[in-house]
């Protein structure tokens, strides 16, 4: 039941709403293969 939405909320909860201020959030790693395109759209949407 863990989706891209849960991942990005976790990240925002971890770094804060200004944690990436004017920075590029770049996602990579072996775990990406388990994320659907819809998961990825949800995550970049909330950068």
ModelCIF file with pLDDT and N, C-alpha, C, O atoms, coordinates in Angstrom:
data_MODEL
#
_entry.id   MODEL 
#
_entity.id                         1 
_entity.type                       polymer 
_entity.pdbx_number_of_molecules   1 
#
_entity_poly.entity_id                      1 
_entity_poly.type                           'polypeptide(L)' 
_entity_poly.nstd_linkage                   no 
_entity_poly.nstd_monomer                   no 
_entity_poly.pdbx_seq_one_letter_code       
;(UNK)(UNK)(UNK)(UNK)(UNK)(UNK)(UNK)(UNK)(UNK)(UNK)(UNK)(UNK)(UNK)(UNK)(UNK)(UNK)
(UNK)(UNK)(UNK)(UNK)(UNK)(UNK)(UNK)(UNK)(UNK)(UNK)(UNK)(UNK)(UNK)(UNK)(UNK)(UNK)
(UNK)(UNK)(UNK)(UNK)(UNK)(UNK)(UNK)(UNK)(UNK)(UNK)(UNK)(UNK)(UNK)(UNK)(UNK)
;
_entity_poly.pdbx_seq_one_letter_code_can   XXXXXXXXXXXXXXXXXXXXXXXXXXXXXXXXXXXXXXXXXXXXXXX 
_entity_poly.pdbx_strand_id                 A 
#
loop_
_entity_poly_seq.entity_id 
_entity_poly_seq.num 
_entity_poly_seq.mon_id 
_entity_poly_seq.hetero 
1 1  UNK n 
1 2  UNK n 
1 3  UNK n 
1 4  UNK n 
1 5  UNK n 
1 6  UNK n 
1 7  UNK n 
1 8  UNK n 
1 9  UNK n 
1 10 UNK n 
1 11 UNK n 
1 12 UNK n 
1 13 UNK n 
1 14 UNK n 
1 15 UNK n 
1 16 UNK n 
1 17 UNK n 
1 18 UNK n 
1 19 UNK n 
1 20 UNK n 
1 21 UNK n 
1 22 UNK n 
1 23 UNK n 
1 24 UNK n 
1 25 UNK n 
1 26 UNK n 
1 27 UNK n 
1 28 UNK n 
1 29 UNK n 
1 30 UNK n 
1 31 UNK n 
1 32 UNK n 
1 33 UNK n 
1 34 UNK n 
1 35 UNK n 
1 36 UNK n 
1 37 UNK n 
1 38 UNK n 
1 39 UNK n 
1 40 UNK n 
1 41 UNK n 
1 42 UNK n 
1 43 UNK n 
1 44 UNK n 
1 45 UNK n 
1 46 UNK n 
1 47 UNK n 
#
_struct_asym.id          A 
_struct_asym.entity_id   1 
#
loop_
_ma_qa_metric.id 
_ma_qa_metric.mode 
_ma_qa_metric.name 
_ma_qa_metric.software_group_id 
_ma_qa_metric.type 
1 global pLDDT . pLDDT 
2 local  pLDDT . pLDDT 
#
_ma_qa_metric_global.metric_id      1 
_ma_qa_metric_global.metric_value   96.87 
_ma_qa_metric_global.model_id       1 
_ma_qa_metric_global.ordinal_id     1 
#
loop_
_ma_qa_metric_local.label_asym_id 
_ma_qa_metric_local.label_comp_id 
_ma_qa_metric_local.label_seq_id 
_ma_qa_metric_local.metric_id 
_ma_qa_metric_local.metric_value 
_ma_qa_metric_local.model_id 
_ma_qa_metric_local.ordinal_id 
A UNK 1  2 95.00 1 1  
A UNK 2  2 97.00 1 2  
A UNK 3  2 97.00 1 3  
A UNK 4  2 97.00 1 4  
A UNK 5  2 98.00 1 5  
A UNK 6  2 98.00 1 6  
A UNK 7  2 98.00 1 7  
A UNK 8  2 98.00 1 8  
A UNK 9  2 98.00 1 9  
A UNK 10 2 98.00 1 10 
A UNK 11 2 98.00 1 11 
A UNK 12 2 97.00 1 12 
A UNK 13 2 97.00 1 13 
A UNK 14 2 96.00 1 14 
A UNK 15 2 97.00 1 15 
A UNK 16 2 96.00 1 16 
A UNK 17 2 94.00 1 17 
A UNK 18 2 94.00 1 18 
A UNK 19 2 94.00 1 19 
A UNK 20 2 95.00 1 20 
A UNK 21 2 95.00 1 21 
A UNK 22 2 95.00 1 22 
A UNK 23 2 97.00 1 23 
A UNK 24 2 97.00 1 24 
A UNK 25 2 98.00 1 25 
A UNK 26 2 98.00 1 26 
A UNK 27 2 98.00 1 27 
A UNK 28 2 97.00 1 28 
A UNK 29 2 97.00 1 29 
A UNK 30 2 96.00 1 30 
A UNK 31 2 97.00 1 31 
A UNK 32 2 97.00 1 32 
A UNK 33 2 96.00 1 33 
A UNK 34 2 97.00 1 34 
A UNK 35 2 98.00 1 35 
A UNK 36 2 97.00 1 36 
A UNK 37 2 97.00 1 37 
A UNK 38 2 97.00 1 38 
A UNK 39 2 97.00 1 39 
A UNK 40 2 98.00 1 40 
A UNK 41 2 98.00 1 41 
A UNK 42 2 97.00 1 42 
A UNK 43 2 98.00 1 43 
A UNK 44 2 98.00 1 44 
A UNK 45 2 97.00 1 45 
A UNK 46 2 97.00 1 46 
A UNK 47 2 97.00 1 47 
#
loop_
_atom_site.group_PDB 
_atom_site.id 
_atom_site.type_symbol 
_atom_site.label_atom_id 
_atom_site.label_alt_id 
_atom_site.label_comp_id 
_atom_site.label_asym_id 
_atom_site.label_entity_id 
_atom_site.label_seq_id 
_atom_site.pdbx_PDB_ins_code 
_atom_site.Cartn_x 
_atom_site.Cartn_y 
_atom_site.Cartn_z 
_atom_site.occupancy 
_atom_site.B_iso_or_equiv 
_atom_site.pdbx_formal_charge 
_atom_site.auth_seq_id 
_atom_site.auth_comp_id 
_atom_site.auth_asym_id 
_atom_site.auth_atom_id 
_atom_site.pdbx_PDB_model_num 
ATOM 1   N N  . UNK A 1 1  ? 0.799  -1.212 0.000   1.00 95.00 ? 1  UNK A N  1 
ATOM 2   C CA . UNK A 1 1  ? 0.000  0.000  0.000   1.00 95.00 ? 1  UNK A CA 1 
ATOM 3   C C  . UNK A 1 1  ? 0.843  1.278  0.000   1.00 95.00 ? 1  UNK A C  1 
ATOM 4   O O  . UNK A 1 1  ? 0.312  2.367  0.222   1.00 95.00 ? 1  UNK A O  1 
ATOM 5   N N  . UNK A 1 2  ? 2.136  1.157  -0.244  1.00 97.00 ? 2  UNK A N  1 
ATOM 6   C CA . UNK A 1 2  ? 3.020  2.322  -0.278  1.00 97.00 ? 2  UNK A CA 1 
ATOM 7   C C  . UNK A 1 2  ? 3.231  2.751  -1.725  1.00 97.00 ? 2  UNK A C  1 
ATOM 8   O O  . UNK A 1 2  ? 3.702  1.968  -2.550  1.00 97.00 ? 2  UNK A O  1 
ATOM 9   N N  . UNK A 1 3  ? 2.884  3.993  -2.026  1.00 97.00 ? 3  UNK A N  1 
ATOM 10  C CA . UNK A 1 3  ? 2.950  4.519  -3.387  1.00 97.00 ? 3  UNK A CA 1 
ATOM 11  C C  . UNK A 1 3  ? 3.905  5.698  -3.463  1.00 97.00 ? 3  UNK A C  1 
ATOM 12  O O  . UNK A 1 3  ? 4.514  6.090  -2.468  1.00 97.00 ? 3  UNK A O  1 
ATOM 13  N N  . UNK A 1 4  ? 4.026  6.255  -4.655  1.00 97.00 ? 4  UNK A N  1 
ATOM 14  C CA . UNK A 1 4  ? 4.840  7.447  -4.832  1.00 97.00 ? 4  UNK A CA 1 
ATOM 15  C C  . UNK A 1 4  ? 4.405  8.591  -3.932  1.00 97.00 ? 4  UNK A C  1 
ATOM 16  O O  . UNK A 1 4  ? 5.236  9.370  -3.466  1.00 97.00 ? 4  UNK A O  1 
ATOM 17  N N  . UNK A 1 5  ? 3.096  8.695  -3.685  1.00 98.00 ? 5  UNK A N  1 
ATOM 18  C CA . UNK A 1 5  ? 2.587  9.754  -2.813  1.00 98.00 ? 5  UNK A CA 1 
ATOM 19  C C  . UNK A 1 5  ? 3.154  9.597  -1.391  1.00 98.00 ? 5  UNK A C  1 
ATOM 20  O O  . UNK A 1 5  ? 3.556  10.579 -0.767  1.00 98.00 ? 5  UNK A O  1 
ATOM 21  N N  . UNK A 1 6  ? 3.180  8.382  -0.898  1.00 98.00 ? 6  UNK A N  1 
ATOM 22  C CA . UNK A 1 6  ? 3.713  8.131  0.437   1.00 98.00 ? 6  UNK A CA 1 
ATOM 23  C C  . UNK A 1 6  ? 5.205  8.452  0.499   1.00 98.00 ? 6  UNK A C  1 
ATOM 24  O O  . UNK A 1 6  ? 5.693  8.984  1.496   1.00 98.00 ? 6  UNK A O  1 
ATOM 25  N N  . UNK A 1 7  ? 5.927  8.120  -0.581  1.00 98.00 ? 7  UNK A N  1 
ATOM 26  C CA . UNK A 1 7  ? 7.368  8.364  -0.610  1.00 98.00 ? 7  UNK A CA 1 
ATOM 27  C C  . UNK A 1 7  ? 7.665  9.857  -0.562  1.00 98.00 ? 7  UNK A C  1 
ATOM 28  O O  . UNK A 1 7  ? 8.512  10.300 0.214   1.00 98.00 ? 7  UNK A O  1 
ATOM 29  N N  . UNK A 1 8  ? 6.976  10.629 -1.385  1.00 98.00 ? 8  UNK A N  1 
ATOM 30  C CA . UNK A 1 8  ? 7.257  12.069 -1.415  1.00 98.00 ? 8  UNK A CA 1 
ATOM 31  C C  . UNK A 1 8  ? 6.783  12.747 -0.125  1.00 98.00 ? 8  UNK A C  1 
ATOM 32  O O  . UNK A 1 8  ? 7.425  13.688 0.344   1.00 98.00 ? 8  UNK A O  1 
ATOM 33  N N  . UNK A 1 9  ? 5.672  12.285 0.454   1.00 98.00 ? 9  UNK A N  1 
ATOM 34  C CA . UNK A 1 9  ? 5.274  12.845 1.747   1.00 98.00 ? 9  UNK A CA 1 
ATOM 35  C C  . UNK A 1 9  ? 6.318  12.526 2.814   1.00 98.00 ? 9  UNK A C  1 
ATOM 36  O O  . UNK A 1 9  ? 6.616  13.364 3.664   1.00 98.00 ? 9  UNK A O  1 
ATOM 37  N N  . UNK A 1 10 ? 6.866  11.327 2.771   1.00 98.00 ? 10 UNK A N  1 
ATOM 38  C CA . UNK A 1 10 ? 7.943  10.967 3.697   1.00 98.00 ? 10 UNK A CA 1 
ATOM 39  C C  . UNK A 1 10 ? 9.136  11.899 3.528   1.00 98.00 ? 10 UNK A C  1 
ATOM 40  O O  . UNK A 1 10 ? 9.702  12.378 4.511   1.00 98.00 ? 10 UNK A O  1 
ATOM 41  N N  . UNK A 1 11 ? 9.514  12.153 2.284   1.00 98.00 ? 11 UNK A N  1 
ATOM 42  C CA . UNK A 1 11 ? 10.665 13.012 2.008   1.00 98.00 ? 11 UNK A CA 1 
ATOM 43  C C  . UNK A 1 11 ? 10.404 14.443 2.492   1.00 98.00 ? 11 UNK A C  1 
ATOM 44  O O  . UNK A 1 11 ? 11.262 15.055 3.128   1.00 98.00 ? 11 UNK A O  1 
ATOM 45  N N  . UNK A 1 12 ? 9.219  14.967 2.187   1.00 97.00 ? 12 UNK A N  1 
ATOM 46  C CA . UNK A 1 12 ? 8.890  16.330 2.618   1.00 97.00 ? 12 UNK A CA 1 
ATOM 47  C C  . UNK A 1 12 ? 8.847  16.417 4.140   1.00 97.00 ? 12 UNK A C  1 
ATOM 48  O O  . UNK A 1 12 ? 9.296  17.402 4.725   1.00 97.00 ? 12 UNK A O  1 
ATOM 49  N N  . UNK A 1 13 ? 8.307  15.386 4.774   1.00 97.00 ? 13 UNK A N  1 
ATOM 50  C CA . UNK A 1 13 ? 8.300  15.347 6.227   1.00 97.00 ? 13 UNK A CA 1 
ATOM 51  C C  . UNK A 1 13 ? 9.713  15.324 6.797   1.00 97.00 ? 13 UNK A C  1 
ATOM 52  O O  . UNK A 1 13 ? 9.961  15.841 7.886   1.00 97.00 ? 13 UNK A O  1 
ATOM 53  N N  . UNK A 1 14 ? 10.639 14.717 6.051   1.00 96.00 ? 14 UNK A N  1 
ATOM 54  C CA . UNK A 1 14 ? 12.021 14.573 6.497   1.00 96.00 ? 14 UNK A CA 1 
ATOM 55  C C  . UNK A 1 14 ? 12.826 15.862 6.324   1.00 96.00 ? 14 UNK A C  1 
ATOM 56  O O  . UNK A 1 14 ? 13.574 16.247 7.223   1.00 96.00 ? 14 UNK A O  1 
ATOM 57  N N  . UNK A 1 15 ? 12.679 16.538 5.166   1.00 97.00 ? 15 UNK A N  1 
ATOM 58  C CA . UNK A 1 15 ? 13.518 17.710 4.881   1.00 97.00 ? 15 UNK A CA 1 
ATOM 59  C C  . UNK A 1 15 ? 12.790 19.030 5.075   1.00 97.00 ? 15 UNK A C  1 
ATOM 60  O O  . UNK A 1 15 ? 13.433 20.077 5.154   1.00 97.00 ? 15 UNK A O  1 
ATOM 61  N N  . UNK A 1 16 ? 11.454 19.008 5.155   1.00 96.00 ? 16 UNK A N  1 
ATOM 62  C CA . UNK A 1 16 ? 10.677 20.229 5.370   1.00 96.00 ? 16 UNK A CA 1 
ATOM 63  C C  . UNK A 1 16 ? 10.243 20.897 4.076   1.00 96.00 ? 16 UNK A C  1 
ATOM 64  O O  . UNK A 1 16 ? 10.740 20.570 2.998   1.00 96.00 ? 16 UNK A O  1 
ATOM 65  N N  . UNK A 1 17 ? 9.312  21.836 4.190   1.00 94.00 ? 17 UNK A N  1 
ATOM 66  C CA . UNK A 1 17 ? 8.749  22.483 3.009   1.00 94.00 ? 17 UNK A CA 1 
ATOM 67  C C  . UNK A 1 17 ? 9.716  23.457 2.341   1.00 94.00 ? 17 UNK A C  1 
ATOM 68  O O  . UNK A 1 17 ? 9.463  23.906 1.223   1.00 94.00 ? 17 UNK A O  1 
ATOM 69  N N  . UNK A 1 18 ? 10.802 23.783 3.000   1.00 94.00 ? 18 UNK A N  1 
ATOM 70  C CA . UNK A 1 18 ? 11.839 24.591 2.358   1.00 94.00 ? 18 UNK A CA 1 
ATOM 71  C C  . UNK A 1 18 ? 13.170 23.850 2.307   1.00 94.00 ? 18 UNK A C  1 
ATOM 72  O O  . UNK A 1 18 ? 14.225 24.457 2.126   1.00 94.00 ? 18 UNK A O  1 
ATOM 73  N N  . UNK A 1 19 ? 13.106 22.538 2.468   1.00 94.00 ? 19 UNK A N  1 
ATOM 74  C CA . UNK A 1 19 ? 14.326 21.738 2.518   1.00 94.00 ? 19 UNK A CA 1 
ATOM 75  C C  . UNK A 1 19 ? 15.075 21.658 1.206   1.00 94.00 ? 19 UNK A C  1 
ATOM 76  O O  . UNK A 1 19 ? 16.279 21.402 1.194   1.00 94.00 ? 19 UNK A O  1 
ATOM 77  N N  . UNK A 1 20 ? 14.381 21.875 0.102   1.00 95.00 ? 20 UNK A N  1 
ATOM 78  C CA . UNK A 1 20 ? 15.014 21.833 -1.222  1.00 95.00 ? 20 UNK A CA 1 
ATOM 79  C C  . UNK A 1 20 ? 14.916 23.181 -1.923  1.00 95.00 ? 20 UNK A C  1 
ATOM 80  O O  . UNK A 1 20 ? 14.894 23.240 -3.152  1.00 95.00 ? 20 UNK A O  1 
ATOM 81  N N  . UNK A 1 21 ? 14.859 24.247 -1.164  1.00 95.00 ? 21 UNK A N  1 
ATOM 82  C CA . UNK A 1 21 ? 14.590 25.574 -1.716  1.00 95.00 ? 21 UNK A CA 1 
ATOM 83  C C  . UNK A 1 21 ? 15.511 25.916 -2.889  1.00 95.00 ? 21 UNK A C  1 
ATOM 84  O O  . UNK A 1 21 ? 16.734 25.964 -2.760  1.00 95.00 ? 21 UNK A O  1 
ATOM 85  N N  . UNK A 1 22 ? 14.874 26.151 -4.034  1.00 95.00 ? 22 UNK A N  1 
ATOM 86  C CA . UNK A 1 22 ? 15.527 26.472 -5.305  1.00 95.00 ? 22 UNK A CA 1 
ATOM 87  C C  . UNK A 1 22 ? 16.603 25.447 -5.678  1.00 95.00 ? 22 UNK A C  1 
ATOM 88  O O  . UNK A 1 22 ? 17.613 25.797 -6.289  1.00 95.00 ? 22 UNK A O  1 
ATOM 89  N N  . UNK A 1 23 ? 16.390 24.222 -5.320  1.00 97.00 ? 23 UNK A N  1 
ATOM 90  C CA . UNK A 1 23 ? 17.316 23.164 -5.696  1.00 97.00 ? 23 UNK A CA 1 
ATOM 91  C C  . UNK A 1 23 ? 16.597 22.085 -6.499  1.00 97.00 ? 23 UNK A C  1 
ATOM 92  O O  . UNK A 1 23 ? 15.382 21.913 -6.405  1.00 97.00 ? 23 UNK A O  1 
ATOM 93  N N  . UNK A 1 24 ? 17.375 21.378 -7.279  1.00 97.00 ? 24 UNK A N  1 
ATOM 94  C CA . UNK A 1 24 ? 16.852 20.256 -8.038  1.00 97.00 ? 24 UNK A CA 1 
ATOM 95  C C  . UNK A 1 24 ? 16.829 19.019 -7.147  1.00 97.00 ? 24 UNK A C  1 
ATOM 96  O O  . UNK A 1 24 ? 17.825 18.694 -6.501  1.00 97.00 ? 24 UNK A O  1 
ATOM 97  N N  . UNK A 1 25 ? 15.687 18.330 -7.115  1.00 98.00 ? 25 UNK A N  1 
ATOM 98  C CA . UNK A 1 25 ? 15.560 17.079 -6.387  1.00 98.00 ? 25 UNK A CA 1 
ATOM 99  C C  . UNK A 1 25 ? 15.729 15.948 -7.396  1.00 98.00 ? 25 UNK A C  1 
ATOM 100 O O  . UNK A 1 25 ? 14.853 15.734 -8.234  1.00 98.00 ? 25 UNK A O  1 
ATOM 101 N N  . UNK A 1 26 ? 16.848 15.219 -7.328  1.00 98.00 ? 26 UNK A N  1 
ATOM 102 C CA . UNK A 1 26 ? 17.186 14.239 -8.348  1.00 98.00 ? 26 UNK A CA 1 
ATOM 103 C C  . UNK A 1 26 ? 17.065 12.832 -7.765  1.00 98.00 ? 26 UNK A C  1 
ATOM 104 O O  . UNK A 1 26 ? 17.738 12.491 -6.793  1.00 98.00 ? 26 UNK A O  1 
ATOM 105 N N  . UNK A 1 27 ? 16.189 12.013 -8.378  1.00 98.00 ? 27 UNK A N  1 
ATOM 106 C CA . UNK A 1 27 ? 15.851 10.689 -7.867  1.00 98.00 ? 27 UNK A CA 1 
ATOM 107 C C  . UNK A 1 27 ? 16.521 9.611  -8.713  1.00 98.00 ? 27 UNK A C  1 
ATOM 108 O O  . UNK A 1 27 ? 16.422 9.616  -9.940  1.00 98.00 ? 27 UNK A O  1 
ATOM 109 N N  . UNK A 1 28 ? 17.198 8.692  -8.043  1.00 97.00 ? 28 UNK A N  1 
ATOM 110 C CA . UNK A 1 28 ? 17.866 7.592  -8.735  1.00 97.00 ? 28 UNK A CA 1 
ATOM 111 C C  . UNK A 1 28 ? 18.043 6.436  -7.771  1.00 97.00 ? 28 UNK A C  1 
ATOM 112 O O  . UNK A 1 28 ? 17.583 6.509  -6.632  1.00 97.00 ? 28 UNK A O  1 
ATOM 113 N N  . UNK A 1 29 ? 18.697 5.378  -8.201  1.00 97.00 ? 29 UNK A N  1 
ATOM 114 C CA . UNK A 1 29 ? 18.919 4.236  -7.328  1.00 97.00 ? 29 UNK A CA 1 
ATOM 115 C C  . UNK A 1 29 ? 18.143 3.005  -7.761  1.00 97.00 ? 29 UNK A C  1 
ATOM 116 O O  . UNK A 1 29 ? 17.246 3.092  -8.599  1.00 97.00 ? 29 UNK A O  1 
ATOM 117 N N  . UNK A 1 30 ? 18.491 1.848  -7.184  1.00 96.00 ? 30 UNK A N  1 
ATOM 118 C CA . UNK A 1 30 ? 17.888 0.572  -7.566  1.00 96.00 ? 30 UNK A CA 1 
ATOM 119 C C  . UNK A 1 30 ? 16.390 0.514  -7.264  1.00 96.00 ? 30 UNK A C  1 
ATOM 120 O O  . UNK A 1 30 ? 15.658 -0.243 -7.902  1.00 96.00 ? 30 UNK A O  1 
ATOM 121 N N  . UNK A 1 31 ? 15.937 1.304  -6.301  1.00 97.00 ? 31 UNK A N  1 
ATOM 122 C CA . UNK A 1 31 ? 14.525 1.281  -5.942  1.00 97.00 ? 31 UNK A CA 1 
ATOM 123 C C  . UNK A 1 31 ? 13.611 1.897  -6.980  1.00 97.00 ? 31 UNK A C  1 
ATOM 124 O O  . UNK A 1 31 ? 12.403 1.663  -6.956  1.00 97.00 ? 31 UNK A O  1 
ATOM 125 N N  . UNK A 1 32 ? 14.171 2.688  -7.899  1.00 97.00 ? 32 UNK A N  1 
ATOM 126 C CA . UNK A 1 32 ? 13.356 3.351  -8.923  1.00 97.00 ? 32 UNK A CA 1 
ATOM 127 C C  . UNK A 1 32 ? 12.629 2.324  -9.787  1.00 97.00 ? 32 UNK A C  1 
ATOM 128 O O  . UNK A 1 32 ? 11.519 2.578  -10.253 1.00 97.00 ? 32 UNK A O  1 
ATOM 129 N N  . UNK A 1 33 ? 13.251 1.167  -10.000 1.00 96.00 ? 33 UNK A N  1 
ATOM 130 C CA . UNK A 1 33 ? 12.652 0.154  -10.869 1.00 96.00 ? 33 UNK A CA 1 
ATOM 131 C C  . UNK A 1 33 ? 11.282 -0.319 -10.368 1.00 96.00 ? 33 UNK A C  1 
ATOM 132 O O  . UNK A 1 33 ? 10.473 -0.823 -11.147 1.00 96.00 ? 33 UNK A O  1 
ATOM 133 N N  . UNK A 1 34 ? 11.030 -0.156 -9.075  1.00 97.00 ? 34 UNK A N  1 
ATOM 134 C CA . UNK A 1 34 ? 9.764  -0.600 -8.497  1.00 97.00 ? 34 UNK A CA 1 
ATOM 135 C C  . UNK A 1 34 ? 8.685  0.483  -8.523  1.00 97.00 ? 34 UNK A C  1 
ATOM 136 O O  . UNK A 1 34 ? 7.566  0.262  -8.059  1.00 97.00 ? 34 UNK A O  1 
ATOM 137 N N  . UNK A 1 35 ? 9.018  1.634  -9.057  1.00 98.00 ? 35 UNK A N  1 
ATOM 138 C CA . UNK A 1 35 ? 8.070  2.742  -9.102  1.00 98.00 ? 35 UNK A CA 1 
ATOM 139 C C  . UNK A 1 35 ? 7.476  2.864  -10.494 1.00 98.00 ? 35 UNK A C  1 
ATOM 140 O O  . UNK A 1 35 ? 8.205  2.965  -11.481 1.00 98.00 ? 35 UNK A O  1 
ATOM 141 N N  . UNK A 1 36 ? 6.144  2.855  -10.573 1.00 97.00 ? 36 UNK A N  1 
ATOM 142 C CA . UNK A 1 36 ? 5.468  3.050  -11.853 1.00 97.00 ? 36 UNK A CA 1 
ATOM 143 C C  . UNK A 1 36 ? 5.647  4.489  -12.314 1.00 97.00 ? 36 UNK A C  1 
ATOM 144 O O  . UNK A 1 36 ? 6.095  5.340  -11.546 1.00 97.00 ? 36 UNK A O  1 
ATOM 145 N N  . UNK A 1 37 ? 5.301  4.758  -13.559 1.00 97.00 ? 37 UNK A N  1 
ATOM 146 C CA . UNK A 1 37 ? 5.346  6.136  -14.027 1.00 97.00 ? 37 UNK A CA 1 
ATOM 147 C C  . UNK A 1 37 ? 4.385  7.007  -13.231 1.00 97.00 ? 37 UNK A C  1 
ATOM 148 O O  . UNK A 1 37 ? 4.683  8.168  -12.952 1.00 97.00 ? 37 UNK A O  1 
ATOM 149 N N  . UNK A 1 38 ? 3.238  6.456  -12.866 1.00 97.00 ? 38 UNK A N  1 
ATOM 150 C CA . UNK A 1 38 ? 2.286  7.227  -12.061 1.00 97.00 ? 38 UNK A CA 1 
ATOM 151 C C  . UNK A 1 38 ? 2.873  7.573  -10.694 1.00 97.00 ? 38 UNK A C  1 
ATOM 152 O O  . UNK A 1 38 ? 2.646  8.668  -10.178 1.00 97.00 ? 38 UNK A O  1 
ATOM 153 N N  . UNK A 1 39 ? 3.629  6.636  -10.107 1.00 97.00 ? 39 UNK A N  1 
ATOM 154 C CA . UNK A 1 39 ? 4.332  6.927  -8.854  1.00 97.00 ? 39 UNK A CA 1 
ATOM 155 C C  . UNK A 1 39 ? 5.308  8.089  -9.037  1.00 97.00 ? 39 UNK A C  1 
ATOM 156 O O  . UNK A 1 39 ? 5.370  9.000  -8.211  1.00 97.00 ? 39 UNK A O  1 
ATOM 157 N N  . UNK A 1 40 ? 6.050  8.044  -10.107 1.00 98.00 ? 40 UNK A N  1 
ATOM 158 C CA . UNK A 1 40 ? 7.084  9.050  -10.362 1.00 98.00 ? 40 UNK A CA 1 
ATOM 159 C C  . UNK A 1 40 ? 6.461  10.418 -10.638 1.00 98.00 ? 40 UNK A C  1 
ATOM 160 O O  . UNK A 1 40 ? 6.966  11.435 -10.163 1.00 98.00 ? 40 UNK A O  1 
ATOM 161 N N  . UNK A 1 41 ? 5.367  10.448 -11.401 1.00 98.00 ? 41 UNK A N  1 
ATOM 162 C CA . UNK A 1 41 ? 4.670  11.720 -11.641 1.00 98.00 ? 41 UNK A CA 1 
ATOM 163 C C  . UNK A 1 41 ? 4.206  12.336 -10.316 1.00 98.00 ? 41 UNK A C  1 
ATOM 164 O O  . UNK A 1 41 ? 4.329  13.544 -10.113 1.00 98.00 ? 41 UNK A O  1 
ATOM 165 N N  . UNK A 1 42 ? 3.676  11.507 -9.421  1.00 97.00 ? 42 UNK A N  1 
ATOM 166 C CA . UNK A 1 42 ? 3.218  12.015 -8.121  1.00 97.00 ? 42 UNK A CA 1 
ATOM 167 C C  . UNK A 1 42 ? 4.372  12.613 -7.330  1.00 97.00 ? 42 UNK A C  1 
ATOM 168 O O  . UNK A 1 42 ? 4.202  13.630 -6.657  1.00 97.00 ? 42 UNK A O  1 
ATOM 169 N N  . UNK A 1 43 ? 5.539  11.994 -7.404  1.00 98.00 ? 43 UNK A N  1 
ATOM 170 C CA . UNK A 1 43 ? 6.686  12.461 -6.637  1.00 98.00 ? 43 UNK A CA 1 
ATOM 171 C C  . UNK A 1 43 ? 7.247  13.769 -7.179  1.00 98.00 ? 43 UNK A C  1 
ATOM 172 O O  . UNK A 1 43 ? 7.483  14.706 -6.416  1.00 98.00 ? 43 UNK A O  1 
ATOM 173 N N  . UNK A 1 44 ? 7.462  13.841 -8.486  1.00 98.00 ? 44 UNK A N  1 
ATOM 174 C CA . UNK A 1 44 ? 7.999  15.078 -9.048  1.00 98.00 ? 44 UNK A CA 1 
ATOM 175 C C  . UNK A 1 44 ? 6.982  16.207 -8.959  1.00 98.00 ? 44 UNK A C  1 
ATOM 176 O O  . UNK A 1 44 ? 7.353  17.372 -8.819  1.00 98.00 ? 44 UNK A O  1 
ATOM 177 N N  . UNK A 1 45 ? 5.700  15.862 -9.041  1.00 97.00 ? 45 UNK A N  1 
ATOM 178 C CA . UNK A 1 45 ? 4.636  16.855 -8.893  1.00 97.00 ? 45 UNK A CA 1 
ATOM 179 C C  . UNK A 1 45 ? 4.777  17.637 -7.594  1.00 97.00 ? 45 UNK A C  1 
ATOM 180 O O  . UNK A 1 45 ? 4.525  18.841 -7.556  1.00 97.00 ? 45 UNK A O  1 
ATOM 181 N N  . UNK A 1 46 ? 5.181  16.947 -6.530  1.00 97.00 ? 46 UNK A N  1 
ATOM 182 C CA . UNK A 1 46 ? 5.252  17.579 -5.218  1.00 97.00 ? 46 UNK A CA 1 
ATOM 183 C C  . UNK A 1 46 ? 6.646  18.051 -4.832  1.00 97.00 ? 46 UNK A C  1 
ATOM 184 O O  . UNK A 1 46 ? 6.890  18.372 -3.668  1.00 97.00 ? 46 UNK A O  1 
ATOM 185 N N  . UNK A 1 47 ? 7.567  18.097 -5.800  1.00 97.00 ? 47 UNK A N  1 
ATOM 186 C CA . UNK A 1 47 ? 8.886  18.659 -5.510  1.00 97.00 ? 47 UNK A CA 1 
ATOM 187 C C  . UNK A 1 47 ? 8.762  20.099 -5.018  1.00 97.00 ? 47 UNK A C  1 
ATOM 188 O O  . UNK A 1 47 ? 9.771  20.739 -4.722  1.00 97.00 ? 47 UNK A O  1 
#
